[in-house]
Amino acid sequence: MLKEFEMIVTIVQKGQADKVVEASREGGARGGTIIYGRGTGIHDSESVLGVQIQPEKEIIFTLAETYQKPTIMKLICEKAKLNTPGAGLCFSLPVNRILGSKKMMKPSEIQKLKKEKDKKIKANNIPTKESNKQQ
């Protein structure tokens, strides 16, 4: 059975990403990807000596199984204090396809997939590298 995933996107002020990743891990995610950006909203710019300053942001992408999403988002909101005005925001997007997701799998899941693949190869008499070497 294929797992269903969601992408949780969190945007916070610079220096707050570690709290988001910590909350994500506490909720069951394996980690996240942090990228840097700058705010361009009407309330994001500040003026210092007449020069507009754009505050730096951290954007955290967290891929999680769908059933984990509510817990992870609640923990992010609490740890990063997202209910505080100007602290940031968090939202999720459905993910309909993932490639290269073995890193997200537990070792036991990878072993199970390998065994299933081996059974299919044997059942269908598909040559393998090992069988070709023996000939």
C-alpha atoms as a PDB file:
ATOM      1  CA  MET A   1       0.000   0.000   0.000  1.00  0.00           C
ATOM      2  CA  LEU A   2       1.329   3.418  -0.940  1.00  0.00           C
ATOM      3  CA  LYS A   3       1.644   6.012   1.774  1.00  0.00           C
ATOM      4  CA  GLU A   4      -0.030   9.385   1.403  1.00  0.00           C
ATOM      5  CA  PHE A   5       2.057  12.471   2.103  1.00  0.00           C
ATOM      6  CA  GLU A   6       1.533  16.170   2.734  1.00  0.00           C
ATOM      7  CA  MET A   7       4.013  19.024   2.393  1.00  0.00           C
ATOM      8  CA  ILE A   8       3.907  21.291   5.429  1.00  0.00           C
ATOM      9  CA  VAL A   9       5.275  24.748   4.627  1.00  0.00           C
ATOM     10  CA  THR A  10       6.194  27.059   7.491  1.00  0.00           C
ATOM     11  CA  ILE A  11       7.413  30.642   7.086  1.00  0.00           C
ATOM     12  CA  VAL A  12       9.012  32.248  10.141  1.00  0.00           C
ATOM     13  CA  GLN A  13      11.332  35.079  11.073  1.00  0.00           C
ATOM     14  CA  LYS A  14      15.050  34.418  10.658  1.00  0.00           C
ATOM     15  CA  GLY A  15      16.426  32.351  13.544  1.00  0.00           C
ATOM     16  CA  GLN A  16      13.211  30.423  14.256  1.00  0.00           C
ATOM     17  CA  ALA A  17      13.612  27.472  11.846  1.00  0.00           C
ATOM     18  CA  ASP A  18      15.213  25.182  14.444  1.00  0.00           C
ATOM     19  CA  LYS A  19      12.060  25.397  16.575  1.00  0.00           C
ATOM     20  CA  VAL A  20       9.980  24.364  13.561  1.00  0.00           C
ATOM     21  CA  VAL A  21      12.218  21.398  12.697  1.00  0.00           C
ATOM     22  CA  GLU A  22      12.293  20.301  16.349  1.00  0.00           C
ATOM     23  CA  ALA A  23       8.479  20.410  16.513  1.00  0.00           C
ATOM     24  CA  SER A  24       8.219  18.494  13.228  1.00  0.00           C
ATOM     25  CA  ARG A  25      10.481  15.741  14.512  1.00  0.00           C
ATOM     26  CA  GLU A  26       8.559  15.586  17.772  1.00  0.00           C
ATOM     27  CA  GLY A  27       5.414  15.036  15.694  1.00  0.00           C
ATOM     28  CA  GLY A  28       6.944  12.166  13.730  1.00  0.00           C
ATOM     29  CA  ALA A  29       8.587  13.792  10.693  1.00  0.00           C
ATOM     30  CA  ARG A  30      12.153  12.844   9.824  1.00  0.00           C
ATOM     31  CA  GLY A  31      13.353  16.436   9.373  1.00  0.00           C
ATOM     32  CA  GLY A  32      12.873  19.300   6.967  1.00  0.00           C
ATOM     33  CA  THR A  33      14.477  21.537   4.393  1.00  0.00           C
ATOM     34  CA  ILE A  34      15.214  25.146   5.312  1.00  0.00           C
ATOM     35  CA  ILE A  35      15.553  27.858   2.687  1.00  0.00           C
ATOM     36  CA  TYR A  36      15.979  31.577   3.146  1.00  0.00           C
ATOM     37  CA  GLY A  37      13.862  34.362   1.731  1.00  0.00           C
ATOM     38  CA  ARG A  38      12.696  37.889   2.385  1.00  0.00           C
ATOM     39  CA  GLY A  39       9.281  39.295   3.066  1.00  0.00           C
ATOM     40  CA  THR A  40       7.610  41.512   0.490  1.00  0.00           C
ATOM     41  CA  GLY A  41       4.226  42.007   2.161  1.00  0.00           C
ATOM     42  CA  ILE A  42       2.829  45.403   3.044  1.00  0.00           C
ATOM     43  CA  HIS A  43       3.703  44.877   6.719  1.00  0.00           C
ATOM     44  CA  ASP A  44       7.126  43.325   6.064  1.00  0.00           C
ATOM     45  CA  SER A  45       9.181  46.377   5.176  1.00  0.00           C
ATOM     46  CA  GLU A  46      10.700  48.724   7.716  1.00  0.00           C
ATOM     47  CA  SER A  47      12.405  52.037   7.123  1.00  0.00           C
ATOM     48  CA  VAL A  48      15.715  52.961   8.688  1.00  0.00           C
ATOM     49  CA  LEU A  49      17.025  56.438   7.802  1.00  0.00           C
ATOM     50  CA  GLY A  50      14.708  56.460   4.810  1.00  0.00           C
ATOM     51  CA  VAL A  51      16.020  53.111   3.446  1.00  0.00           C
ATOM     52  CA  GLN A  52      13.523  50.268   3.114  1.00  0.00           C
ATOM     53  CA  ILE A  53      14.642  47.104   4.934  1.00  0.00           C
ATOM     54  CA  GLN A  54      13.067  43.760   3.989  1.00  0.00           C
ATOM     55  CA  PRO A  55      13.110  41.314   6.919  1.00  0.00           C
ATOM     56  CA  GLU A  56      14.703  37.943   6.272  1.00  0.00           C
ATOM     57  CA  LYS A  57      12.546  34.825   6.543  1.00  0.00           C
ATOM     58  CA  GLU A  58      13.157  31.119   6.898  1.00  0.00           C
ATOM     59  CA  ILE A  59      10.924  28.773   4.924  1.00  0.00           C
ATOM     60  CA  ILE A  60      10.776  25.195   6.135  1.00  0.00           C
ATOM     61  CA  PHE A  61       9.462  22.364   3.960  1.00  0.00           C
ATOM     62  CA  THR A  62       8.464  19.267   5.899  1.00  0.00           C
ATOM     63  CA  LEU A  63       7.284  16.134   4.115  1.00  0.00           C
ATOM     64  CA  ALA A  64       5.098  14.015   6.387  1.00  0.00           C
ATOM     65  CA  GLU A  65       2.596  11.221   6.162  1.00  0.00           C
ATOM     66  CA  THR A  66      -0.949  12.547   5.960  1.00  0.00           C
ATOM     67  CA  TYR A  67      -1.964  11.099   9.320  1.00  0.00           C
ATOM     68  CA  GLN A  68       0.934  12.985  11.006  1.00  0.00           C
ATOM     69  CA  LYS A  69       0.017  16.399   9.591  1.00  0.00           C
ATOM     70  CA  PRO A  70      -2.437  17.645  12.272  1.00  0.00           C
ATOM     71  CA  THR A  71      -0.074  16.771  15.122  1.00  0.00           C
ATOM     72  CA  ILE A  72       2.964  18.266  13.407  1.00  0.00           C
ATOM     73  CA  MET A  73       1.180  21.497  12.501  1.00  0.00           C
ATOM     74  CA  LYS A  74      -0.168  21.887  16.051  1.00  0.00           C
ATOM     75  CA  LEU A  75       3.324  21.386  17.514  1.00  0.00           C
ATOM     76  CA  ILE A  76       4.858  23.857  15.032  1.00  0.00           C
ATOM     77  CA  CYS A  77       2.221  26.434  15.933  1.00  0.00           C
ATOM     78  CA  GLU A  78       2.929  25.990  19.644  1.00  0.00           C
ATOM     79  CA  LYS A  79       6.769  25.848  19.531  1.00  0.00           C
ATOM     80  CA  ALA A  80       7.197  28.679  17.000  1.00  0.00           C
ATOM     81  CA  LYS A  81       4.422  30.712  18.669  1.00  0.00           C
ATOM     82  CA  LEU A  82       2.640  31.238  15.354  1.00  0.00           C
ATOM     83  CA  ASN A  83      -0.445  32.636  17.107  1.00  0.00           C
ATOM     84  CA  THR A  84       1.636  35.703  17.943  1.00  0.00           C
ATOM     85  CA  PRO A  85       1.111  38.461  15.343  1.00  0.00           C
ATOM     86  CA  GLY A  86       4.031  38.626  12.906  1.00  0.00           C
ATOM     87  CA  ALA A  87       5.572  35.331  14.063  1.00  0.00           C
ATOM     88  CA  GLY A  88       4.868  33.494  10.812  1.00  0.00           C
ATOM     89  CA  LEU A  89       2.471  31.037   9.281  1.00  0.00           C
ATOM     90  CA  CYS A  90       2.105  27.366   8.488  1.00  0.00           C
ATOM     91  CA  PHE A  91       0.074  25.629   5.786  1.00  0.00           C
ATOM     92  CA  SER A  92      -0.015  22.284   4.027  1.00  0.00           C
ATOM     93  CA  LEU A  93      -0.270  21.071   0.451  1.00  0.00           C
ATOM     94  CA  PRO A  94      -1.194  17.616  -0.831  1.00  0.00           C
ATOM     95  CA  VAL A  95       1.623  15.645  -2.444  1.00  0.00           C
ATOM     96  CA  ASN A  96       0.566  13.374  -5.278  1.00  0.00           C
ATOM     97  CA  ARG A  97       3.914  11.885  -6.269  1.00  0.00           C
ATOM     98  CA  ILE A  98       7.349  11.366  -4.727  1.00  0.00           C
ATOM     99  CA  LEU A  99      10.476  10.030  -6.376  1.00  0.00           C
ATOM    100  CA  GLY A 100      13.590   9.003  -4.479  1.00  0.00           C
ATOM    101  CA  SER A 101      11.795   8.596  -1.168  1.00  0.00           C
ATOM    102  CA  LYS A 102      13.840   5.650   0.157  1.00  0.00           C
ATOM    103  CA  LYS A 103      15.496   7.981   2.656  1.00  0.00           C
ATOM    104  CA  MET A 104      12.091   8.509   4.222  1.00  0.00           C
ATOM    105  CA  MET A 105      11.547   4.794   4.711  1.00  0.00           C
ATOM    106  CA  LYS A 106      12.508   2.776   7.728  1.00  0.00           C
ATOM    107  CA  PRO A 107      15.152   0.046   7.120  1.00  0.00           C
ATOM    108  CA  SER A 108      12.515  -2.642   7.738  1.00  0.00           C
ATOM    109  CA  GLU A 109      10.315  -1.129   5.006  1.00  0.00           C
ATOM    110  CA  ILE A 110      13.218  -1.112   2.539  1.00  0.00           C
ATOM    111  CA  GLN A 111      13.961  -4.789   3.339  1.00  0.00           C
ATOM    112  CA  LYS A 112      10.302  -5.658   2.776  1.00  0.00           C
ATOM    113  CA  LEU A 113      10.337  -3.927  -0.635  1.00  0.00           C
ATOM    114  CA  LYS A 114      13.526  -5.789  -1.624  1.00  0.00           C
ATOM    115  CA  LYS A 115      11.972  -9.137  -0.661  1.00  0.00           C
ATOM    116  CA  GLU A 116       8.812  -8.372  -2.656  1.00  0.00           C
ATOM    117  CA  LYS A 117      10.938  -7.403  -5.668  1.00  0.00           C
ATOM    118  CA  ASP A 118      12.985 -10.609  -5.378  1.00  0.00           C
ATOM    119  CA  LYS A 119       9.791 -12.707  -5.255  1.00  0.00           C
ATOM    120  CA  LYS A 120       8.492 -11.048  -8.429  1.00  0.00           C
ATOM    121  CA  ILE A 121      11.801 -11.620 -10.207  1.00  0.00           C
ATOM    122  CA  LYS A 122      11.848 -15.305  -9.279  1.00  0.00           C
ATOM    123  CA  ALA A 123       8.165 -15.798 -10.098  1.00  0.00           C
ATOM    124  CA  ASN A 124       8.563 -14.242 -13.553  1.00  0.00           C
ATOM    125  CA  ASN A 125      11.956 -15.844 -14.332  1.00  0.00           C
ATOM    126  CA  ILE A 126      13.565 -12.439 -14.888  1.00  0.00           C
ATOM    127  CA  PRO A 127      17.353 -12.657 -15.261  1.00  0.00           C
ATOM    128  CA  THR A 128      19.404 -10.769 -12.694  1.00  0.00           C
ATOM    129  CA  LYS A 129      23.035  -9.617 -12.672  1.00  0.00           C
ATOM    130  CA  GLU A 130      23.912 -12.566 -10.442  1.00  0.00           C
ATOM    131  CA  SER A 131      22.257 -15.140 -12.711  1.00  0.00           C
ATOM    132  CA  ASN A 132      23.995 -13.655 -15.765  1.00  0.00           C
ATOM    133  CA  LYS A 133      27.396 -13.893 -14.024  1.00  0.00           C
ATOM    134  CA  GLN A 134      26.866 -17.587 -13.267  1.00  0.00           C
ATOM    135  CA  GLN A 135      26.325 -18.435 -16.941  1.00  0.00           C
END
